[in-house]
Amino acid sequence: MSGLGDGLIDLAAVAVLAVAVAGLWRRDVRALVGLLRLQGWALALVAAVAAVRGRDVGLGVTAVLVLVVKAGVVPVLLGRVARRDPGAREGAPLINVPASLVIAAALVALAVVAGAPLHALDPTASTALAPLGLATVLAGYLLLVTRRRALSQVVGLLVIDNGIALTTFLLTSGVPLIVELGGTLDVLLVVVVIRALLGTMRARFGGIDLDGLSELRD
């Protein structure tokens, strides 16, 4: 099980980062929500394999929680917002797609360099993968700051949260269940509030493009 478990964690951790980078490539907001769901599945797999390998019931419950919230409830809520927005597509990100991918590659390299000391302190397979979590966080920040539509920026924020969770799972073999429960519920609450705000913005202004809203005057 050890070899299979390590392989599954490797694959899932790479998938979490790959989805974050793919988000920089896609402009359709509905596609971004779909990628967020895939990332939730991959993150839950990391936690589940770590739970089985460590025989940790609490981490197993955490994996189920991640699956339900990050791969289920949150994408469903955001998907409903995206389906109701007829223009749910990025017209012109602040940085074009090729440049975003080049920057993402540089950020991945930076994360690998920054994570090297961690692996030197604890040379295990999990710490070797920790830079993937850090790179996911950086890719999420890039998505957050380069997109104009509010929903795309929400997805970037959630990608950052998933990257932090991945790093935590890899470096500490999970977190106490109560901590993860609190963090997940916070994320869910934020998404519910943002969904309500985006619905109000669309009803009043006819869209949720933040650049367009910035031109409004009192």
N, C-alpha and C. Protein backbone atom coordinates (compact mmCIF):
# COMPACT_ATOMS: atom_id res chain seq x y z
N MET A 1 0.83 -1.21 0.00
CA MET A 1 0.00 0.00 0.00
C MET A 1 0.86 1.26 0.00
N SER A 2 2.05 1.14 0.58
CA SER A 2 2.91 2.32 0.67
C SER A 2 3.26 2.87 -0.71
N GLY A 3 3.70 1.97 -1.61
CA GLY A 3 4.06 2.43 -2.94
C GLY A 3 2.87 2.96 -3.71
N LEU A 4 1.73 2.26 -3.62
CA LEU A 4 0.51 2.72 -4.29
C LEU A 4 0.03 4.04 -3.70
N GLY A 5 0.10 4.14 -2.35
CA GLY A 5 -0.34 5.36 -1.69
C GLY A 5 0.51 6.55 -2.09
N ASP A 6 1.83 6.35 -2.13
CA ASP A 6 2.73 7.44 -2.55
C ASP A 6 2.42 7.87 -3.97
N GLY A 7 2.16 6.88 -4.85
CA GLY A 7 1.85 7.21 -6.24
C GLY A 7 0.56 7.99 -6.37
N LEU A 8 -0.46 7.61 -5.59
CA LEU A 8 -1.74 8.32 -5.64
C LEU A 8 -1.60 9.75 -5.12
N ILE A 9 -0.84 9.92 -4.04
CA ILE A 9 -0.63 11.27 -3.51
C ILE A 9 0.14 12.12 -4.50
N ASP A 10 1.17 11.53 -5.13
CA ASP A 10 1.92 12.26 -6.15
C ASP A 10 0.99 12.73 -7.27
N LEU A 11 0.17 11.81 -7.76
CA LEU A 11 -0.73 12.12 -8.87
C LEU A 11 -1.74 13.19 -8.47
N ALA A 12 -2.31 13.04 -7.28
CA ALA A 12 -3.34 14.00 -6.83
C ALA A 12 -2.74 15.38 -6.58
N ALA A 13 -1.55 15.43 -5.98
CA ALA A 13 -0.91 16.72 -5.72
C ALA A 13 -0.56 17.44 -7.01
N VAL A 14 -0.06 16.69 -7.99
CA VAL A 14 0.23 17.28 -9.30
C VAL A 14 -1.06 17.78 -9.95
N ALA A 15 -2.15 17.02 -9.78
CA ALA A 15 -3.44 17.41 -10.36
C ALA A 15 -3.94 18.72 -9.75
N VAL A 16 -3.74 18.90 -8.44
CA VAL A 16 -4.17 20.15 -7.79
C VAL A 16 -3.47 21.34 -8.43
N LEU A 17 -2.16 21.23 -8.64
CA LEU A 17 -1.40 22.31 -9.27
C LEU A 17 -1.79 22.47 -10.74
N ALA A 18 -1.94 21.35 -11.45
CA ALA A 18 -2.27 21.42 -12.87
C ALA A 18 -3.60 22.13 -13.09
N VAL A 19 -4.56 21.87 -12.22
CA VAL A 19 -5.86 22.53 -12.34
C VAL A 19 -5.71 24.03 -12.12
N ALA A 20 -4.88 24.42 -11.15
CA ALA A 20 -4.66 25.85 -10.89
C ALA A 20 -4.05 26.54 -12.12
N VAL A 21 -3.09 25.90 -12.75
CA VAL A 21 -2.47 26.47 -13.95
C VAL A 21 -3.47 26.48 -15.11
N ALA A 22 -4.27 25.43 -15.22
CA ALA A 22 -5.29 25.39 -16.29
C ALA A 22 -6.29 26.53 -16.13
N GLY A 23 -6.54 26.94 -14.89
CA GLY A 23 -7.45 28.05 -14.66
C GLY A 23 -6.95 29.34 -15.27
N LEU A 24 -5.64 29.50 -15.37
CA LEU A 24 -5.06 30.68 -16.01
C LEU A 24 -5.25 30.65 -17.52
N TRP A 25 -5.48 29.47 -18.05
CA TRP A 25 -5.64 29.30 -19.49
C TRP A 25 -7.09 29.50 -19.93
N ARG A 26 -8.05 29.11 -19.06
CA ARG A 26 -9.46 29.18 -19.43
C ARG A 26 -10.04 30.55 -19.12
N ARG A 27 -10.87 31.05 -20.03
CA ARG A 27 -11.55 32.34 -19.83
C ARG A 27 -13.01 32.17 -19.48
N ASP A 28 -13.60 31.04 -19.84
CA ASP A 28 -15.01 30.79 -19.52
C ASP A 28 -15.14 30.54 -18.02
N VAL A 29 -15.95 31.38 -17.36
CA VAL A 29 -16.08 31.26 -15.90
C VAL A 29 -16.68 29.92 -15.51
N ARG A 30 -17.59 29.39 -16.32
CA ARG A 30 -18.17 28.09 -16.01
C ARG A 30 -17.13 26.99 -16.07
N ALA A 31 -16.19 27.12 -16.98
CA ALA A 31 -15.09 26.15 -17.03
C ALA A 31 -14.22 26.26 -15.79
N LEU A 32 -14.02 27.47 -15.29
CA LEU A 32 -13.24 27.66 -14.06
C LEU A 32 -13.90 26.96 -12.88
N VAL A 33 -15.21 27.05 -12.81
CA VAL A 33 -15.93 26.37 -11.73
C VAL A 33 -15.77 24.86 -11.85
N GLY A 34 -15.81 24.34 -13.08
CA GLY A 34 -15.59 22.91 -13.29
C GLY A 34 -14.20 22.48 -12.87
N LEU A 35 -13.20 23.30 -13.17
CA LEU A 35 -11.84 23.00 -12.74
C LEU A 35 -11.72 23.02 -11.22
N LEU A 36 -12.43 23.95 -10.59
CA LEU A 36 -12.41 24.01 -9.13
C LEU A 36 -12.97 22.73 -8.52
N ARG A 37 -13.99 22.16 -9.16
CA ARG A 37 -14.54 20.89 -8.68
C ARG A 37 -13.49 19.77 -8.80
N LEU A 38 -12.79 19.72 -9.93
CA LEU A 38 -11.75 18.71 -10.10
C LEU A 38 -10.65 18.87 -9.05
N GLN A 39 -10.31 20.11 -8.75
CA GLN A 39 -9.29 20.36 -7.73
C GLN A 39 -9.75 19.87 -6.37
N GLY A 40 -11.04 20.05 -6.07
CA GLY A 40 -11.57 19.54 -4.81
C GLY A 40 -11.48 18.03 -4.71
N TRP A 41 -11.77 17.34 -5.81
CA TRP A 41 -11.63 15.88 -5.84
C TRP A 41 -10.17 15.46 -5.58
N ALA A 42 -9.25 16.12 -6.25
CA ALA A 42 -7.83 15.77 -6.09
C ALA A 42 -7.36 16.04 -4.66
N LEU A 43 -7.79 17.15 -4.08
CA LEU A 43 -7.39 17.48 -2.71
C LEU A 43 -7.97 16.47 -1.73
N ALA A 44 -9.21 16.08 -1.95
CA ALA A 44 -9.82 15.06 -1.08
C ALA A 44 -9.08 13.73 -1.18
N LEU A 45 -8.59 13.40 -2.38
CA LEU A 45 -7.84 12.16 -2.56
C LEU A 45 -6.53 12.19 -1.77
N VAL A 46 -5.85 13.34 -1.77
CA VAL A 46 -4.63 13.47 -0.98
C VAL A 46 -4.92 13.19 0.49
N ALA A 47 -5.98 13.80 1.02
CA ALA A 47 -6.32 13.61 2.43
C ALA A 47 -6.75 12.17 2.70
N ALA A 48 -7.50 11.56 1.78
CA ALA A 48 -7.99 10.20 1.99
C ALA A 48 -6.84 9.19 2.02
N VAL A 49 -5.92 9.32 1.08
CA VAL A 49 -4.78 8.40 1.04
C VAL A 49 -3.91 8.56 2.28
N ALA A 50 -3.69 9.83 2.69
CA ALA A 50 -2.91 10.06 3.90
C ALA A 50 -3.61 9.47 5.13
N ALA A 51 -4.94 9.53 5.15
CA ALA A 51 -5.70 8.97 6.27
C ALA A 51 -5.57 7.45 6.32
N VAL A 52 -5.66 6.81 5.16
CA VAL A 52 -5.54 5.35 5.11
C VAL A 52 -4.13 4.92 5.49
N ARG A 53 -3.16 5.63 4.95
CA ARG A 53 -1.76 5.27 5.22
C ARG A 53 -1.41 5.47 6.70
N GLY A 54 -1.95 6.53 7.31
CA GLY A 54 -1.65 6.80 8.71
C GLY A 54 -2.68 6.25 9.67
N ARG A 55 -3.73 5.59 9.13
CA ARG A 55 -4.81 5.05 9.95
C ARG A 55 -5.37 6.12 10.89
N ASP A 56 -5.64 7.27 10.30
CA ASP A 56 -6.10 8.44 11.04
C ASP A 56 -7.58 8.67 10.71
N VAL A 57 -8.45 8.37 11.67
CA VAL A 57 -9.89 8.51 11.45
C VAL A 57 -10.26 9.97 11.25
N GLY A 58 -9.66 10.85 12.06
CA GLY A 58 -9.96 12.27 11.93
C GLY A 58 -9.62 12.80 10.56
N LEU A 59 -8.48 12.38 10.02
CA LEU A 59 -8.09 12.82 8.69
C LEU A 59 -9.02 12.24 7.63
N GLY A 60 -9.52 11.03 7.89
CA GLY A 60 -10.50 10.44 6.97
C GLY A 60 -11.78 11.25 6.93
N VAL A 61 -12.24 11.70 8.10
CA VAL A 61 -13.43 12.55 8.14
C VAL A 61 -13.15 13.88 7.43
N THR A 62 -11.94 14.38 7.61
CA THR A 62 -11.55 15.62 6.92
C THR A 62 -11.61 15.44 5.41
N ALA A 63 -11.16 14.28 4.92
CA ALA A 63 -11.21 14.00 3.48
C ALA A 63 -12.65 14.02 2.97
N VAL A 64 -13.55 13.43 3.74
CA VAL A 64 -14.97 13.45 3.34
C VAL A 64 -15.50 14.87 3.34
N LEU A 65 -15.12 15.64 4.36
CA LEU A 65 -15.55 17.04 4.45
C LEU A 65 -15.06 17.85 3.27
N VAL A 66 -13.80 17.66 2.90
CA VAL A 66 -13.24 18.36 1.75
C VAL A 66 -13.99 17.97 0.48
N LEU A 67 -14.28 16.68 0.33
CA LEU A 67 -14.99 16.21 -0.85
C LEU A 67 -16.38 16.83 -0.95
N VAL A 68 -17.10 16.85 0.16
CA VAL A 68 -18.48 17.36 0.15
C VAL A 68 -18.51 18.86 -0.12
N VAL A 69 -17.64 19.60 0.57
CA VAL A 69 -17.70 21.07 0.48
C VAL A 69 -16.95 21.59 -0.75
N LYS A 70 -15.67 21.20 -0.89
CA LYS A 70 -14.83 21.79 -1.93
C LYS A 70 -15.09 21.20 -3.31
N ALA A 71 -15.54 19.94 -3.37
CA ALA A 71 -15.83 19.34 -4.67
C ALA A 71 -17.33 19.26 -4.96
N GLY A 72 -18.15 19.61 -3.97
CA GLY A 72 -19.58 19.51 -4.13
C GLY A 72 -20.31 20.82 -3.95
N VAL A 73 -20.48 21.23 -2.71
CA VAL A 73 -21.34 22.37 -2.39
C VAL A 73 -20.84 23.67 -3.02
N VAL A 74 -19.56 23.97 -2.83
CA VAL A 74 -19.02 25.25 -3.34
C VAL A 74 -19.12 25.34 -4.87
N PRO A 75 -18.68 24.33 -5.64
CA PRO A 75 -18.84 24.44 -7.10
C PRO A 75 -20.29 24.54 -7.54
N VAL A 76 -21.20 23.87 -6.83
CA VAL A 76 -22.62 23.95 -7.19
C VAL A 76 -23.13 25.38 -7.02
N LEU A 77 -22.79 26.00 -5.89
CA LEU A 77 -23.24 27.38 -5.64
C LEU A 77 -22.67 28.33 -6.68
N LEU A 78 -21.36 28.21 -6.95
CA LEU A 78 -20.75 29.10 -7.94
C LEU A 78 -21.26 28.81 -9.35
N GLY A 79 -21.54 27.54 -9.64
CA GLY A 79 -22.06 27.17 -10.95
C GLY A 79 -23.41 27.79 -11.22
N ARG A 80 -24.23 27.90 -10.20
CA ARG A 80 -25.54 28.53 -10.37
C ARG A 80 -25.39 30.00 -10.72
N VAL A 81 -24.44 30.66 -10.07
CA VAL A 81 -24.19 32.08 -10.38
C VAL A 81 -23.71 32.21 -11.83
N ALA A 82 -22.78 31.34 -12.23
CA ALA A 82 -22.22 31.41 -13.58
C ALA A 82 -23.28 31.17 -14.65
N ARG A 83 -24.18 30.23 -14.40
CA ARG A 83 -25.22 29.92 -15.39
C ARG A 83 -26.20 31.07 -15.56
N ARG A 84 -26.38 31.88 -14.53
CA ARG A 84 -27.31 33.00 -14.61
C ARG A 84 -26.68 34.24 -15.20
N ASP A 85 -25.39 34.20 -15.46
CA ASP A 85 -24.69 35.36 -16.02
C ASP A 85 -24.44 35.11 -17.50
N PRO A 86 -25.18 35.76 -18.38
CA PRO A 86 -25.04 35.47 -19.82
C PRO A 86 -23.66 35.80 -20.37
N GLY A 87 -22.92 36.69 -19.72
CA GLY A 87 -21.59 37.06 -20.21
C GLY A 87 -20.50 36.48 -19.34
N ALA A 88 -20.67 35.25 -18.91
CA ALA A 88 -19.74 34.64 -17.95
C ALA A 88 -18.45 34.22 -18.65
N ARG A 89 -17.74 35.20 -19.16
CA ARG A 89 -16.48 34.93 -19.85
C ARG A 89 -15.57 36.14 -19.72
N GLU A 90 -14.29 35.87 -19.47
CA GLU A 90 -13.32 36.96 -19.37
C GLU A 90 -13.06 37.52 -20.77
N GLY A 91 -13.36 38.80 -20.95
CA GLY A 91 -13.11 39.39 -22.25
C GLY A 91 -11.64 39.68 -22.48
N ALA A 92 -11.00 40.31 -21.50
CA ALA A 92 -9.59 40.69 -21.64
C ALA A 92 -8.95 40.74 -20.25
N PRO A 93 -8.35 39.63 -19.81
CA PRO A 93 -7.66 39.65 -18.51
C PRO A 93 -6.55 40.70 -18.50
N LEU A 94 -6.15 41.12 -17.33
CA LEU A 94 -5.11 42.13 -17.22
C LEU A 94 -3.80 41.65 -17.84
N ILE A 95 -3.56 40.34 -17.79
CA ILE A 95 -2.40 39.72 -18.44
C ILE A 95 -2.92 38.64 -19.37
N ASN A 96 -2.47 38.62 -20.62
CA ASN A 96 -3.00 37.64 -21.56
C ASN A 96 -2.57 36.21 -21.19
N VAL A 97 -3.20 35.25 -21.84
CA VAL A 97 -3.01 33.84 -21.46
C VAL A 97 -1.56 33.38 -21.62
N PRO A 98 -0.90 33.62 -22.76
CA PRO A 98 0.49 33.17 -22.87
C PRO A 98 1.39 33.74 -21.78
N ALA A 99 1.24 35.03 -21.51
CA ALA A 99 2.07 35.65 -20.47
C ALA A 99 1.75 35.08 -19.10
N SER A 100 0.46 34.79 -18.85
CA SER A 100 0.07 34.21 -17.56
C SER A 100 0.71 32.83 -17.37
N LEU A 101 0.75 32.04 -18.44
CA LEU A 101 1.34 30.70 -18.34
C LEU A 101 2.86 30.78 -18.12
N VAL A 102 3.49 31.75 -18.75
CA VAL A 102 4.94 31.93 -18.54
C VAL A 102 5.21 32.34 -17.09
N ILE A 103 4.40 33.26 -16.58
CA ILE A 103 4.56 33.68 -15.19
C ILE A 103 4.29 32.51 -14.25
N ALA A 104 3.28 31.70 -14.58
CA ALA A 104 2.97 30.53 -13.75
C ALA A 104 4.15 29.57 -13.70
N ALA A 105 4.81 29.37 -14.83
CA ALA A 105 5.98 28.49 -14.85
C ALA A 105 7.09 29.05 -13.95
N ALA A 106 7.27 30.37 -13.99
CA ALA A 106 8.27 31.00 -13.13
C ALA A 106 7.90 30.85 -11.66
N LEU A 107 6.62 30.95 -11.35
CA LEU A 107 6.17 30.81 -9.97
C LEU A 107 6.37 29.38 -9.47
N VAL A 108 6.15 28.41 -10.35
CA VAL A 108 6.39 27.01 -9.97
C VAL A 108 7.87 26.80 -9.64
N ALA A 109 8.73 27.36 -10.48
CA ALA A 109 10.17 27.26 -10.22
C ALA A 109 10.54 27.93 -8.91
N LEU A 110 9.93 29.09 -8.64
CA LEU A 110 10.18 29.79 -7.39
C LEU A 110 9.73 28.95 -6.20
N ALA A 111 8.58 28.30 -6.32
CA ALA A 111 8.07 27.46 -5.24
C ALA A 111 9.00 26.27 -4.97
N VAL A 112 9.54 25.69 -6.03
CA VAL A 112 10.47 24.57 -5.87
C VAL A 112 11.72 25.01 -5.12
N VAL A 113 12.24 26.18 -5.49
CA VAL A 113 13.44 26.70 -4.81
C VAL A 113 13.13 27.02 -3.36
N ALA A 114 11.97 27.65 -3.11
CA ALA A 114 11.60 28.02 -1.75
C ALA A 114 11.33 26.80 -0.88
N GLY A 115 10.85 25.71 -1.49
CA GLY A 115 10.52 24.51 -0.73
C GLY A 115 11.70 23.59 -0.49
N ALA A 116 12.82 23.83 -1.14
CA ALA A 116 13.99 22.96 -0.98
C ALA A 116 14.47 22.87 0.47
N PRO A 117 14.53 23.98 1.22
CA PRO A 117 14.97 23.87 2.62
C PRO A 117 14.06 22.99 3.47
N LEU A 118 12.76 22.97 3.19
CA LEU A 118 11.84 22.12 3.94
C LEU A 118 12.16 20.65 3.73
N HIS A 119 12.44 20.30 2.48
CA HIS A 119 12.78 18.91 2.18
C HIS A 119 14.13 18.54 2.79
N ALA A 120 15.04 19.49 2.86
CA ALA A 120 16.34 19.23 3.48
C ALA A 120 16.20 18.95 4.98
N LEU A 121 15.25 19.64 5.63
CA LEU A 121 15.03 19.42 7.05
C LEU A 121 14.33 18.09 7.32
N ASP A 122 13.43 17.71 6.41
CA ASP A 122 12.68 16.46 6.59
C ASP A 122 12.57 15.77 5.24
N PRO A 123 13.59 15.00 4.86
CA PRO A 123 13.63 14.41 3.52
C PRO A 123 12.67 13.24 3.34
N THR A 124 11.40 13.55 3.22
CA THR A 124 10.38 12.53 2.99
C THR A 124 9.67 12.82 1.67
N ALA A 125 8.89 11.84 1.22
CA ALA A 125 8.18 12.00 -0.04
C ALA A 125 7.16 13.13 0.03
N SER A 126 6.53 13.30 1.19
CA SER A 126 5.50 14.33 1.33
C SER A 126 6.10 15.73 1.28
N THR A 127 7.22 15.94 1.98
CA THR A 127 7.83 17.27 1.95
C THR A 127 8.39 17.61 0.57
N ALA A 128 8.75 16.58 -0.18
CA ALA A 128 9.23 16.82 -1.55
C ALA A 128 8.11 17.38 -2.43
N LEU A 129 6.86 17.06 -2.07
CA LEU A 129 5.72 17.54 -2.84
C LEU A 129 5.19 18.88 -2.34
N ALA A 130 5.66 19.34 -1.19
CA ALA A 130 5.15 20.58 -0.60
C ALA A 130 5.24 21.78 -1.54
N PRO A 131 6.30 21.90 -2.37
CA PRO A 131 6.33 23.02 -3.31
C PRO A 131 5.13 23.07 -4.26
N LEU A 132 4.50 21.93 -4.50
CA LEU A 132 3.31 21.93 -5.36
C LEU A 132 2.18 22.72 -4.69
N GLY A 133 2.06 22.58 -3.37
CA GLY A 133 1.05 23.35 -2.66
C GLY A 133 1.34 24.83 -2.70
N LEU A 134 2.61 25.18 -2.48
CA LEU A 134 3.01 26.59 -2.54
C LEU A 134 2.80 27.16 -3.94
N ALA A 135 3.14 26.39 -4.95
CA ALA A 135 2.93 26.85 -6.33
C ALA A 135 1.45 27.04 -6.63
N THR A 136 0.60 26.18 -6.07
CA THR A 136 -0.85 26.34 -6.24
C THR A 136 -1.33 27.65 -5.63
N VAL A 137 -0.81 27.97 -4.44
CA VAL A 137 -1.17 29.25 -3.80
C VAL A 137 -0.77 30.42 -4.70
N LEU A 138 0.44 30.38 -5.24
CA LEU A 138 0.92 31.47 -6.09
C LEU A 138 0.10 31.57 -7.38
N ALA A 139 -0.25 30.43 -7.95
CA ALA A 139 -1.08 30.44 -9.16
C ALA A 139 -2.46 31.01 -8.85
N GLY A 140 -2.99 30.69 -7.67
CA GLY A 140 -4.27 31.25 -7.26
C GLY A 140 -4.21 32.76 -7.12
N TYR A 141 -3.13 33.27 -6.54
CA TYR A 141 -2.95 34.72 -6.44
C TYR A 141 -2.89 35.36 -7.83
N LEU A 142 -2.18 34.71 -8.75
CA LEU A 142 -2.08 35.25 -10.11
C LEU A 142 -3.45 35.30 -10.77
N LEU A 143 -4.24 34.25 -10.58
CA LEU A 143 -5.60 34.23 -11.12
C LEU A 143 -6.45 35.33 -10.49
N LEU A 144 -6.28 35.52 -9.19
CA LEU A 144 -7.06 36.51 -8.46
C LEU A 144 -6.79 37.93 -8.95
N VAL A 145 -5.52 38.26 -9.18
CA VAL A 145 -5.17 39.65 -9.49
C VAL A 145 -5.23 39.99 -10.98
N THR A 146 -5.34 38.98 -11.84
CA THR A 146 -5.32 39.27 -13.27
C THR A 146 -6.69 39.16 -13.93
N ARG A 147 -7.69 38.70 -13.21
CA ARG A 147 -9.02 38.57 -13.80
C ARG A 147 -9.91 39.75 -13.42
N ARG A 148 -10.82 40.09 -14.33
CA ARG A 148 -11.68 41.25 -14.14
C ARG A 148 -13.04 40.88 -13.56
N ARG A 149 -13.53 39.70 -13.87
CA ARG A 149 -14.86 39.31 -13.41
C ARG A 149 -14.80 38.86 -11.95
N ALA A 150 -15.82 39.26 -11.20
CA ALA A 150 -15.83 38.97 -9.77
C ALA A 150 -15.82 37.46 -9.50
N LEU A 151 -16.55 36.69 -10.30
CA LEU A 151 -16.63 35.25 -10.06
C LEU A 151 -15.28 34.59 -10.31
N SER A 152 -14.54 35.06 -11.30
CA SER A 152 -13.20 34.53 -11.56
C SER A 152 -12.28 34.79 -10.38
N GLN A 153 -12.43 35.97 -9.78
CA GLN A 153 -11.61 36.31 -8.63
C GLN A 153 -11.96 35.46 -7.42
N VAL A 154 -13.24 35.12 -7.28
CA VAL A 154 -13.66 34.21 -6.21
C VAL A 154 -13.01 32.84 -6.40
N VAL A 155 -12.98 32.36 -7.64
CA VAL A 155 -12.33 31.08 -7.92
C VAL A 155 -10.85 31.16 -7.57
N GLY A 156 -10.19 32.28 -7.89
CA GLY A 156 -8.79 32.45 -7.52
C GLY A 156 -8.60 32.37 -6.02
N LEU A 157 -9.50 32.99 -5.27
CA LEU A 157 -9.42 32.94 -3.80
C LEU A 157 -9.55 31.51 -3.29
N LEU A 158 -10.44 30.74 -3.88
CA LEU A 158 -10.64 29.36 -3.46
C LEU A 158 -9.46 28.47 -3.86
N VAL A 159 -8.84 28.78 -4.99
CA VAL A 159 -7.63 28.04 -5.38
C VAL A 159 -6.51 28.28 -4.36
N ILE A 160 -6.40 29.52 -3.88
CA ILE A 160 -5.42 29.82 -2.84
C ILE A 160 -5.69 28.98 -1.61
N ASP A 161 -6.95 28.90 -1.20
CA ASP A 161 -7.32 28.10 -0.02
C ASP A 161 -6.99 26.63 -0.24
N ASN A 162 -7.24 26.11 -1.43
CA ASN A 162 -6.91 24.71 -1.72
C ASN A 162 -5.41 24.47 -1.69
N GLY A 163 -4.64 25.45 -2.17
CA GLY A 163 -3.18 25.31 -2.12
C GLY A 163 -2.67 25.28 -0.69
N ILE A 164 -3.25 26.11 0.17
CA ILE A 164 -2.86 26.10 1.58
C ILE A 164 -3.20 24.76 2.21
N ALA A 165 -4.39 24.24 1.89
CA ALA A 165 -4.80 22.94 2.43
C ALA A 165 -3.87 21.83 1.95
N LEU A 166 -3.49 21.85 0.67
CA LEU A 166 -2.58 20.83 0.14
C LEU A 166 -1.24 20.88 0.86
N THR A 167 -0.70 22.07 1.04
CA THR A 167 0.57 22.21 1.75
C THR A 167 0.47 21.67 3.17
N THR A 168 -0.64 21.95 3.83
CA THR A 168 -0.84 21.46 5.20
C THR A 168 -0.90 19.95 5.24
N PHE A 169 -1.65 19.34 4.32
CA PHE A 169 -1.74 17.88 4.28
C PHE A 169 -0.38 17.23 4.05
N LEU A 170 0.42 17.84 3.19
CA LEU A 170 1.70 17.25 2.84
C LEU A 170 2.74 17.42 3.94
N LEU A 171 2.72 18.56 4.63
CA LEU A 171 3.75 18.83 5.63
C LEU A 171 3.42 18.28 7.00
N THR A 172 2.13 18.18 7.32
CA THR A 172 1.74 17.77 8.68
C THR A 172 0.90 16.51 8.72
N SER A 173 0.69 15.89 7.53
CA SER A 173 -0.20 14.72 7.44
C SER A 173 -1.60 15.06 7.95
N GLY A 174 -2.05 16.27 7.65
CA GLY A 174 -3.39 16.67 8.04
C GLY A 174 -3.37 17.65 9.20
N VAL A 175 -4.53 18.16 9.51
CA VAL A 175 -4.70 19.07 10.64
C VAL A 175 -5.79 18.50 11.53
N PRO A 176 -5.86 18.94 12.79
CA PRO A 176 -6.96 18.48 13.64
C PRO A 176 -8.31 18.73 12.99
N LEU A 177 -9.22 17.80 13.17
CA LEU A 177 -10.52 17.86 12.49
C LEU A 177 -11.25 19.16 12.79
N ILE A 178 -11.20 19.62 14.03
CA ILE A 178 -11.93 20.82 14.41
C ILE A 178 -11.39 22.04 13.67
N VAL A 179 -10.06 22.05 13.42
CA VAL A 179 -9.47 23.16 12.68
C VAL A 179 -9.94 23.15 11.23
N GLU A 180 -9.88 21.99 10.60
CA GLU A 180 -10.32 21.88 9.21
C GLU A 180 -11.81 22.16 9.09
N LEU A 181 -12.59 21.70 10.06
CA LEU A 181 -14.03 21.96 10.03
C LEU A 181 -14.30 23.46 10.09
N GLY A 182 -13.60 24.15 10.98
CA GLY A 182 -13.78 25.59 11.08
C GLY A 182 -13.38 26.31 9.81
N GLY A 183 -12.23 25.92 9.23
CA GLY A 183 -11.77 26.55 8.00
C GLY A 183 -12.71 26.29 6.84
N THR A 184 -13.21 25.06 6.73
CA THR A 184 -14.11 24.72 5.63
C THR A 184 -15.44 25.46 5.75
N LEU A 185 -15.95 25.55 6.97
CA LEU A 185 -17.20 26.27 7.17
C LEU A 185 -17.03 27.76 6.88
N ASP A 186 -15.84 28.30 7.21
CA ASP A 186 -15.56 29.70 6.87
C ASP A 186 -15.60 29.90 5.36
N VAL A 187 -14.96 28.98 4.62
CA VAL A 187 -14.96 29.07 3.16
C VAL A 187 -16.39 28.99 2.62
N LEU A 188 -17.17 28.06 3.16
CA LEU A 188 -18.55 27.90 2.71
C LEU A 188 -19.37 29.16 2.98
N LEU A 189 -19.17 29.74 4.16
CA LEU A 189 -19.89 30.97 4.50
C LEU A 189 -19.51 32.10 3.55
N VAL A 190 -18.21 32.22 3.27
CA VAL A 190 -17.76 33.27 2.34
C VAL A 190 -18.39 33.08 0.96
N VAL A 191 -18.45 31.84 0.49
CA VAL A 191 -19.02 31.59 -0.84
C VAL A 191 -20.51 31.92 -0.85
N VAL A 192 -21.23 31.57 0.21
CA VAL A 192 -22.65 31.87 0.28
C VAL A 192 -22.88 33.38 0.25
N VAL A 193 -22.08 34.12 1.03
CA VAL A 193 -22.22 35.57 1.06
C VAL A 193 -21.88 36.17 -0.30
N ILE A 194 -20.78 35.70 -0.90
CA ILE A 194 -20.38 36.22 -2.20
C ILE A 194 -21.43 35.91 -3.26
N ARG A 195 -22.02 34.72 -3.19
CA ARG A 195 -23.08 34.36 -4.14
C ARG A 195 -24.24 35.34 -4.03
N ALA A 196 -24.61 35.70 -2.82
CA ALA A 196 -25.70 36.66 -2.62
C ALA A 196 -25.32 38.03 -3.17
N LEU A 197 -24.07 38.45 -2.91
CA LEU A 197 -23.62 39.76 -3.39
C LEU A 197 -23.57 39.81 -4.92
N LEU A 198 -23.07 38.73 -5.53
CA LEU A 198 -22.99 38.70 -6.99
C LEU A 198 -24.38 38.73 -7.61
N GLY A 199 -25.32 38.04 -6.96
CA GLY A 199 -26.69 38.08 -7.46
C GLY A 199 -27.27 39.48 -7.40
N THR A 200 -26.98 40.20 -6.32
CA THR A 200 -27.45 41.58 -6.19
C THR A 200 -26.79 42.48 -7.22
N MET A 201 -25.48 42.31 -7.42
CA MET A 201 -24.77 43.11 -8.42
C MET A 201 -25.34 42.88 -9.81
N ARG A 202 -25.62 41.64 -10.15
CA ARG A 202 -26.16 41.34 -11.48
C ARG A 202 -27.54 41.94 -11.65
N ALA A 203 -28.36 41.88 -10.59
CA ALA A 203 -29.72 42.41 -10.68
C ALA A 203 -29.72 43.93 -10.83
N ARG A 204 -28.80 44.61 -10.15
CA ARG A 204 -28.81 46.07 -10.16
C ARG A 204 -28.04 46.67 -11.34
N PHE A 205 -26.91 46.00 -11.71
CA PHE A 205 -26.03 46.61 -12.70
C PHE A 205 -25.98 45.84 -14.01
N GLY A 206 -26.65 44.66 -14.05
CA GLY A 206 -26.70 43.91 -15.29
C GLY A 206 -25.48 43.07 -15.57
N GLY A 207 -24.56 42.95 -14.63
CA GLY A 207 -23.36 42.14 -14.84
C GLY A 207 -22.49 42.18 -13.61
N ILE A 208 -21.43 41.38 -13.63
CA ILE A 208 -20.52 41.32 -12.48
C ILE A 208 -19.08 41.51 -12.94
N ASP A 209 -18.91 42.37 -13.93
CA ASP A 209 -17.57 42.76 -14.38
C ASP A 209 -17.12 43.93 -13.51
N LEU A 210 -16.08 43.75 -12.71
CA LEU A 210 -15.66 44.78 -11.78
C LEU A 210 -15.14 46.02 -12.47
N ASP A 211 -14.54 45.87 -13.65
CA ASP A 211 -14.06 47.04 -14.38
C ASP A 211 -15.23 47.95 -14.76
N GLY A 212 -16.33 47.32 -15.16
CA GLY A 212 -17.50 48.10 -15.51
C GLY A 212 -18.08 48.82 -14.30
N LEU A 213 -18.08 48.15 -13.15
CA LEU A 213 -18.61 48.77 -11.94
C LEU A 213 -17.74 49.91 -11.46
N SER A 214 -16.44 49.85 -11.74
CA SER A 214 -15.54 50.90 -11.27
C SER A 214 -15.80 52.23 -11.95
N GLU A 215 -16.51 52.17 -13.08
CA GLU A 215 -16.81 53.41 -13.79
C GLU A 215 -18.05 54.11 -13.26
N LEU A 216 -18.76 53.45 -12.33
CA LEU A 216 -19.97 54.07 -11.79
C LEU A 216 -19.60 55.26 -10.91
N ARG A 217 -20.46 56.25 -10.88
CA ARG A 217 -20.27 57.43 -10.05
C ARG A 217 -21.50 57.62 -9.19
N ASP A 218 -21.31 58.19 -7.99
CA ASP A 218 -22.45 58.48 -7.10
C ASP A 218 -23.35 59.55 -7.74
